[in-house]
Amino acid sequence: MTLPALPAAVGSACSAFLRPLLTSPTIAQPSLEPDPLEIVAQSVLEGQRVEGLVLWRVFVAGRVARVEFIVDGVTLGADLAAPYTLGWNSSLAPPGPHTLTARALGSGKPRKIVTATVGVNVPAPPASDGSGAP
């Protein structure tokens, strides 16, 4: 059985419709990128007042190679496994504002940064019993 030929107008309309679908150079490819890296939260907050030992914890989603802990531009340490934590002795820093930056690094180039400026309090002098003895 032979099918009848389509009229020229129908054939060219079909051809015009199908041509972009058949020759499109952009074919969606599945993403091979790792899970997106995101700093979800950290234990220090913008404007927080601190003194003494500060337990600084960073919560990260995605594939993380390490989290670096930076105070005033100086890297104090890094943690390679969750929970990503650093103990910062703020009594070694002068009183006043300090910028704390957590930098999460993933495999390859992905990285995320979160920053908070905290204020270091002047520690209160030790209480005296009035005897003059230390």
N, C-alpha and C. Protein backbone atom coordinates (compact mmCIF):
# COMPACT_ATOMS: atom_id res chain seq x y z
N MET A 1 0.85 -1.16 0.00
CA MET A 1 0.00 0.00 0.00
C MET A 1 0.90 1.23 0.00
N THR A 2 0.59 2.17 -0.83
CA THR A 2 1.35 3.40 -0.95
C THR A 2 0.53 4.53 -0.36
N LEU A 3 1.17 5.33 0.47
CA LEU A 3 0.48 6.48 1.07
C LEU A 3 0.51 7.63 0.08
N PRO A 4 -0.55 8.39 0.08
CA PRO A 4 -0.58 9.53 -0.83
C PRO A 4 0.43 10.58 -0.38
N ALA A 5 0.97 11.32 -1.28
CA ALA A 5 1.92 12.40 -0.98
C ALA A 5 1.18 13.54 -0.30
N LEU A 6 1.86 14.18 0.64
CA LEU A 6 1.26 15.33 1.32
C LEU A 6 1.32 16.54 0.41
N PRO A 7 0.36 17.40 0.51
CA PRO A 7 0.44 18.65 -0.25
C PRO A 7 1.70 19.41 0.14
N ALA A 8 2.27 20.17 -0.74
CA ALA A 8 3.52 20.90 -0.52
C ALA A 8 3.43 21.82 0.69
N ALA A 9 2.32 22.48 0.90
CA ALA A 9 2.18 23.42 2.03
C ALA A 9 2.26 22.68 3.34
N VAL A 10 1.64 21.51 3.44
CA VAL A 10 1.68 20.73 4.68
C VAL A 10 3.09 20.21 4.91
N GLY A 11 3.73 19.73 3.88
CA GLY A 11 5.09 19.22 4.00
C GLY A 11 6.07 20.28 4.46
N SER A 12 5.98 21.49 3.91
CA SER A 12 6.91 22.55 4.32
C SER A 12 6.60 23.05 5.72
N ALA A 13 5.32 23.04 6.13
CA ALA A 13 4.97 23.44 7.50
C ALA A 13 5.53 22.44 8.50
N CYS A 14 5.39 21.15 8.19
CA CYS A 14 5.94 20.11 9.07
C CYS A 14 7.45 20.22 9.14
N SER A 15 8.07 20.43 8.00
CA SER A 15 9.51 20.54 7.95
C SER A 15 9.99 21.74 8.75
N ALA A 16 9.29 22.88 8.64
CA ALA A 16 9.65 24.08 9.39
C ALA A 16 9.50 23.86 10.89
N PHE A 17 8.53 23.08 11.30
CA PHE A 17 8.30 22.80 12.71
C PHE A 17 9.36 21.85 13.26
N LEU A 18 9.70 20.82 12.50
CA LEU A 18 10.60 19.79 12.99
C LEU A 18 12.08 20.16 12.89
N ARG A 19 12.44 21.02 11.93
CA ARG A 19 13.85 21.34 11.71
C ARG A 19 14.55 21.82 12.98
N PRO A 20 14.01 22.79 13.75
CA PRO A 20 14.72 23.23 14.96
C PRO A 20 14.84 22.11 15.99
N LEU A 21 13.87 21.23 16.06
CA LEU A 21 13.93 20.15 17.04
C LEU A 21 15.00 19.13 16.69
N LEU A 22 15.20 18.92 15.41
CA LEU A 22 16.15 17.90 14.98
C LEU A 22 17.58 18.44 14.87
N THR A 23 17.73 19.73 14.71
CA THR A 23 19.08 20.29 14.49
C THR A 23 19.54 21.18 15.63
N SER A 24 18.79 21.24 16.73
CA SER A 24 19.15 22.11 17.84
C SER A 24 20.50 21.71 18.44
N PRO A 25 21.46 22.65 18.51
CA PRO A 25 22.77 22.30 19.06
C PRO A 25 22.78 22.21 20.58
N THR A 26 21.75 22.71 21.24
CA THR A 26 21.74 22.70 22.70
C THR A 26 20.84 21.57 23.20
N ILE A 27 21.47 20.59 23.76
CA ILE A 27 20.74 19.47 24.34
C ILE A 27 21.02 19.50 25.82
N ALA A 28 19.98 19.48 26.61
CA ALA A 28 20.14 19.54 28.06
C ALA A 28 20.93 18.34 28.56
N GLN A 29 21.96 18.61 29.33
CA GLN A 29 22.78 17.56 29.91
C GLN A 29 22.54 17.53 31.41
N PRO A 30 22.56 16.36 32.00
CA PRO A 30 22.42 16.32 33.46
C PRO A 30 23.63 16.98 34.10
N SER A 31 23.40 17.65 35.21
CA SER A 31 24.48 18.33 35.91
C SER A 31 25.39 17.32 36.59
N LEU A 32 26.68 17.49 36.40
CA LEU A 32 27.65 16.63 37.05
C LEU A 32 28.30 17.35 38.24
N GLU A 33 27.81 18.55 38.54
CA GLU A 33 28.33 19.32 39.65
C GLU A 33 27.94 18.65 40.97
N PRO A 34 28.79 18.74 42.00
CA PRO A 34 28.41 18.21 43.30
C PRO A 34 27.29 19.04 43.90
N ASP A 35 26.75 18.55 44.98
CA ASP A 35 25.69 19.29 45.65
C ASP A 35 26.14 20.72 45.88
N PRO A 36 25.24 21.69 45.71
CA PRO A 36 25.64 23.07 45.93
C PRO A 36 26.11 23.27 47.37
N LEU A 37 27.15 24.03 47.53
CA LEU A 37 27.73 24.31 48.84
C LEU A 37 27.04 25.52 49.42
N GLU A 38 26.62 25.42 50.67
CA GLU A 38 25.92 26.54 51.31
C GLU A 38 26.20 26.54 52.80
N ILE A 39 26.55 27.72 53.33
CA ILE A 39 26.67 27.87 54.78
C ILE A 39 25.27 28.18 55.28
N VAL A 40 24.75 27.27 56.08
CA VAL A 40 23.37 27.38 56.55
C VAL A 40 23.28 28.30 57.76
N ALA A 41 24.23 28.19 58.68
CA ALA A 41 24.19 29.00 59.90
C ALA A 41 25.56 28.95 60.57
N GLN A 42 25.75 29.85 61.51
CA GLN A 42 26.93 29.79 62.36
C GLN A 42 26.54 30.23 63.76
N SER A 43 27.36 29.87 64.74
CA SER A 43 27.00 30.11 66.13
C SER A 43 27.30 31.53 66.60
N VAL A 44 28.09 32.29 65.86
CA VAL A 44 28.31 33.70 66.21
C VAL A 44 27.40 34.55 65.34
N LEU A 45 26.89 35.60 65.92
CA LEU A 45 25.91 36.44 65.23
C LEU A 45 26.45 37.86 65.06
N GLU A 46 26.00 38.50 64.03
CA GLU A 46 26.36 39.90 63.78
C GLU A 46 26.00 40.74 65.00
N GLY A 47 26.97 41.54 65.49
CA GLY A 47 26.73 42.43 66.61
C GLY A 47 26.84 41.78 67.98
N GLN A 48 27.09 40.50 68.03
CA GLN A 48 27.18 39.78 69.30
C GLN A 48 28.36 40.29 70.11
N ARG A 49 28.21 40.37 71.44
CA ARG A 49 29.30 40.74 72.34
C ARG A 49 29.87 39.45 72.93
N VAL A 50 31.19 39.31 72.89
CA VAL A 50 31.83 38.08 73.35
C VAL A 50 32.96 38.40 74.31
N GLU A 51 33.33 37.41 75.13
CA GLU A 51 34.54 37.49 75.92
C GLU A 51 34.95 36.08 76.30
N GLY A 52 36.27 35.91 76.48
CA GLY A 52 36.77 34.59 76.83
C GLY A 52 36.73 33.62 75.66
N LEU A 53 36.51 32.35 75.97
CA LEU A 53 36.49 31.32 74.94
C LEU A 53 35.16 31.35 74.19
N VAL A 54 35.24 31.48 72.88
CA VAL A 54 34.05 31.50 72.02
C VAL A 54 34.04 30.20 71.22
N LEU A 55 32.98 29.42 71.37
CA LEU A 55 32.82 28.21 70.59
C LEU A 55 32.14 28.60 69.28
N TRP A 56 32.91 28.58 68.21
CA TRP A 56 32.45 29.04 66.90
C TRP A 56 32.16 27.82 66.05
N ARG A 57 30.90 27.61 65.74
CA ARG A 57 30.48 26.44 64.97
C ARG A 57 29.79 26.91 63.69
N VAL A 58 30.10 26.22 62.58
CA VAL A 58 29.53 26.56 61.28
C VAL A 58 28.79 25.34 60.75
N PHE A 59 27.58 25.56 60.26
CA PHE A 59 26.74 24.49 59.72
C PHE A 59 26.68 24.65 58.21
N VAL A 60 27.10 23.61 57.47
CA VAL A 60 27.25 23.68 56.02
C VAL A 60 26.46 22.56 55.37
N ALA A 61 25.82 22.88 54.24
CA ALA A 61 25.15 21.88 53.42
C ALA A 61 25.95 21.70 52.14
N GLY A 62 26.00 20.49 51.63
CA GLY A 62 26.75 20.19 50.41
C GLY A 62 28.03 19.46 50.73
N ARG A 63 28.81 19.21 49.70
CA ARG A 63 30.08 18.49 49.87
C ARG A 63 31.16 19.47 50.29
N VAL A 64 31.69 19.27 51.48
CA VAL A 64 32.65 20.20 52.06
C VAL A 64 34.00 19.51 52.20
N ALA A 65 35.05 20.18 51.75
CA ALA A 65 36.41 19.67 51.96
C ALA A 65 36.92 20.16 53.31
N ARG A 66 36.66 21.43 53.62
CA ARG A 66 37.06 21.99 54.92
C ARG A 66 36.36 23.32 55.13
N VAL A 67 36.35 23.76 56.38
CA VAL A 67 35.87 25.09 56.74
C VAL A 67 37.02 25.81 57.44
N GLU A 68 37.34 26.99 56.95
CA GLU A 68 38.40 27.81 57.54
C GLU A 68 37.78 28.88 58.41
N PHE A 69 38.46 29.17 59.54
CA PHE A 69 37.99 30.17 60.50
C PHE A 69 38.99 31.32 60.51
N ILE A 70 38.52 32.52 60.21
CA ILE A 70 39.38 33.68 60.00
C ILE A 70 38.91 34.81 60.92
N VAL A 71 39.85 35.42 61.65
CA VAL A 71 39.53 36.57 62.49
C VAL A 71 40.39 37.73 62.02
N ASP A 72 39.74 38.82 61.65
CA ASP A 72 40.42 40.03 61.18
C ASP A 72 41.44 39.72 60.08
N GLY A 73 41.07 38.83 59.15
CA GLY A 73 41.92 38.51 58.01
C GLY A 73 42.99 37.47 58.27
N VAL A 74 43.09 36.97 59.50
CA VAL A 74 44.11 35.98 59.84
C VAL A 74 43.42 34.63 60.06
N THR A 75 43.86 33.61 59.32
CA THR A 75 43.27 32.28 59.48
C THR A 75 43.77 31.67 60.78
N LEU A 76 42.81 31.36 61.66
CA LEU A 76 43.18 30.77 62.95
C LEU A 76 43.18 29.25 62.92
N GLY A 77 42.44 28.68 61.99
CA GLY A 77 42.39 27.22 61.92
C GLY A 77 41.38 26.77 60.90
N ALA A 78 41.31 25.45 60.74
CA ALA A 78 40.37 24.84 59.81
C ALA A 78 39.88 23.54 60.42
N ASP A 79 38.70 23.13 60.00
CA ASP A 79 38.15 21.86 60.44
C ASP A 79 37.76 21.08 59.19
N LEU A 80 38.08 19.77 59.20
CA LEU A 80 37.86 18.93 58.01
C LEU A 80 36.59 18.11 58.08
N ALA A 81 35.92 18.08 59.24
CA ALA A 81 34.73 17.24 59.38
C ALA A 81 33.68 17.94 60.23
N ALA A 82 32.43 17.65 59.92
CA ALA A 82 31.34 18.21 60.70
C ALA A 82 31.32 17.56 62.08
N PRO A 83 30.95 18.26 63.12
CA PRO A 83 30.57 19.67 63.12
C PRO A 83 31.82 20.56 63.02
N TYR A 84 31.78 21.51 62.09
CA TYR A 84 32.92 22.39 61.82
C TYR A 84 33.00 23.41 62.96
N THR A 85 34.06 23.29 63.77
CA THR A 85 34.12 24.04 65.02
C THR A 85 35.53 24.55 65.28
N LEU A 86 35.59 25.74 65.89
CA LEU A 86 36.86 26.30 66.36
C LEU A 86 36.61 26.98 67.69
N GLY A 87 37.51 26.79 68.64
CA GLY A 87 37.46 27.54 69.89
C GLY A 87 38.37 28.75 69.76
N TRP A 88 37.80 29.95 69.88
CA TRP A 88 38.57 31.19 69.74
C TRP A 88 38.68 31.85 71.11
N ASN A 89 39.91 32.08 71.56
CA ASN A 89 40.13 32.76 72.84
C ASN A 89 40.11 34.26 72.58
N SER A 90 38.94 34.85 72.73
CA SER A 90 38.79 36.28 72.42
C SER A 90 39.51 37.18 73.43
N SER A 91 39.90 36.62 74.58
CA SER A 91 40.61 37.45 75.56
C SER A 91 42.02 37.81 75.06
N LEU A 92 42.50 37.13 74.02
CA LEU A 92 43.80 37.49 73.44
C LEU A 92 43.68 38.62 72.42
N ALA A 93 42.45 38.99 72.07
CA ALA A 93 42.21 40.07 71.11
C ALA A 93 41.93 41.36 71.88
N PRO A 94 42.32 42.51 71.32
CA PRO A 94 42.01 43.77 72.00
C PRO A 94 40.50 44.00 72.02
N PRO A 95 40.01 44.72 73.03
CA PRO A 95 38.58 45.02 73.08
C PRO A 95 38.15 45.79 71.84
N GLY A 96 36.89 45.60 71.46
CA GLY A 96 36.35 46.31 70.32
C GLY A 96 35.86 45.36 69.25
N PRO A 97 35.52 45.90 68.06
CA PRO A 97 34.96 45.07 66.99
C PRO A 97 36.01 44.21 66.29
N HIS A 98 35.61 43.01 65.95
CA HIS A 98 36.45 42.08 65.21
C HIS A 98 35.60 41.37 64.17
N THR A 99 36.18 41.14 62.99
CA THR A 99 35.46 40.49 61.89
C THR A 99 35.80 39.01 61.88
N LEU A 100 34.77 38.18 62.05
CA LEU A 100 34.91 36.74 62.00
C LEU A 100 34.37 36.25 60.67
N THR A 101 35.18 35.50 59.94
CA THR A 101 34.79 35.00 58.63
C THR A 101 34.94 33.49 58.62
N ALA A 102 33.87 32.81 58.21
CA ALA A 102 33.93 31.36 58.00
C ALA A 102 33.91 31.14 56.50
N ARG A 103 34.87 30.36 56.02
CA ARG A 103 34.96 30.08 54.59
C ARG A 103 34.87 28.57 54.40
N ALA A 104 33.79 28.14 53.75
CA ALA A 104 33.59 26.71 53.45
C ALA A 104 34.11 26.45 52.05
N LEU A 105 34.97 25.45 51.92
CA LEU A 105 35.54 25.10 50.62
C LEU A 105 35.10 23.70 50.25
N GLY A 106 34.58 23.59 49.02
CA GLY A 106 34.16 22.29 48.51
C GLY A 106 35.25 21.70 47.64
N SER A 107 34.95 20.56 47.05
CA SER A 107 35.92 19.96 46.14
C SER A 107 35.96 20.82 44.89
N GLY A 108 37.15 21.10 44.41
CA GLY A 108 37.29 21.98 43.26
C GLY A 108 37.26 23.43 43.71
N LYS A 109 36.62 24.28 42.94
CA LYS A 109 36.62 25.72 43.19
C LYS A 109 35.47 26.22 44.07
N PRO A 110 34.34 25.50 44.22
CA PRO A 110 33.22 26.09 44.95
C PRO A 110 33.62 26.50 46.36
N ARG A 111 33.19 27.69 46.75
CA ARG A 111 33.41 28.14 48.13
C ARG A 111 32.32 29.12 48.51
N LYS A 112 32.02 29.16 49.79
CA LYS A 112 31.03 30.09 50.33
C LYS A 112 31.65 30.75 51.54
N ILE A 113 31.29 32.01 51.75
CA ILE A 113 31.84 32.78 52.85
C ILE A 113 30.70 33.43 53.61
N VAL A 114 30.80 33.42 54.93
CA VAL A 114 29.86 34.16 55.77
C VAL A 114 30.68 34.93 56.80
N THR A 115 30.28 36.17 57.06
CA THR A 115 31.03 37.04 57.95
C THR A 115 30.12 37.64 59.01
N ALA A 116 30.66 37.80 60.20
CA ALA A 116 29.94 38.49 61.28
C ALA A 116 30.95 39.36 62.02
N THR A 117 30.55 40.56 62.35
CA THR A 117 31.39 41.44 63.17
C THR A 117 30.89 41.33 64.60
N VAL A 118 31.79 40.94 65.49
CA VAL A 118 31.43 40.80 66.91
C VAL A 118 32.25 41.80 67.71
N GLY A 119 31.79 42.10 68.89
CA GLY A 119 32.51 43.00 69.78
C GLY A 119 33.11 42.22 70.93
N VAL A 120 34.39 42.42 71.16
CA VAL A 120 35.05 41.76 72.30
C VAL A 120 34.93 42.69 73.49
N ASN A 121 34.36 42.18 74.57
CA ASN A 121 34.21 42.95 75.80
C ASN A 121 35.52 43.02 76.56
N VAL A 122 35.67 44.08 77.34
CA VAL A 122 36.80 44.18 78.26
C VAL A 122 36.44 43.29 79.45
N PRO A 123 37.29 42.31 79.77
CA PRO A 123 36.95 41.44 80.90
C PRO A 123 36.92 42.23 82.20
N ALA A 124 36.00 41.87 83.04
CA ALA A 124 35.88 42.53 84.34
C ALA A 124 37.06 42.14 85.20
N PRO A 125 37.55 43.09 86.00
CA PRO A 125 38.68 42.74 86.89
C PRO A 125 38.21 41.71 87.92
N PRO A 126 39.12 40.88 88.41
CA PRO A 126 38.71 39.91 89.43
C PRO A 126 38.18 40.60 90.67
N ALA A 127 37.23 39.97 91.29
CA ALA A 127 36.63 40.54 92.52
C ALA A 127 37.66 40.50 93.63
N SER A 128 37.64 41.56 94.41
CA SER A 128 38.56 41.65 95.54
C SER A 128 37.76 41.52 96.83
N ASP A 129 38.40 40.88 97.82
CA ASP A 129 37.71 40.75 99.10
C ASP A 129 38.01 41.92 100.02
N GLY A 130 38.76 42.91 99.51
CA GLY A 130 39.06 44.11 100.30
C GLY A 130 40.31 43.98 101.13
N SER A 131 40.94 42.83 101.20
CA SER A 131 42.13 42.63 102.05
C SER A 131 43.39 43.14 101.37
N GLY A 132 43.32 43.37 100.06
CA GLY A 132 44.52 43.80 99.36
C GLY A 132 45.36 42.63 98.90
N ALA A 133 45.03 41.43 99.36
CA ALA A 133 45.79 40.24 98.94
C ALA A 133 45.24 39.76 97.61
N PRO A 134 46.12 39.25 96.73
CA PRO A 134 45.64 38.76 95.43
C PRO A 134 44.84 37.50 95.54
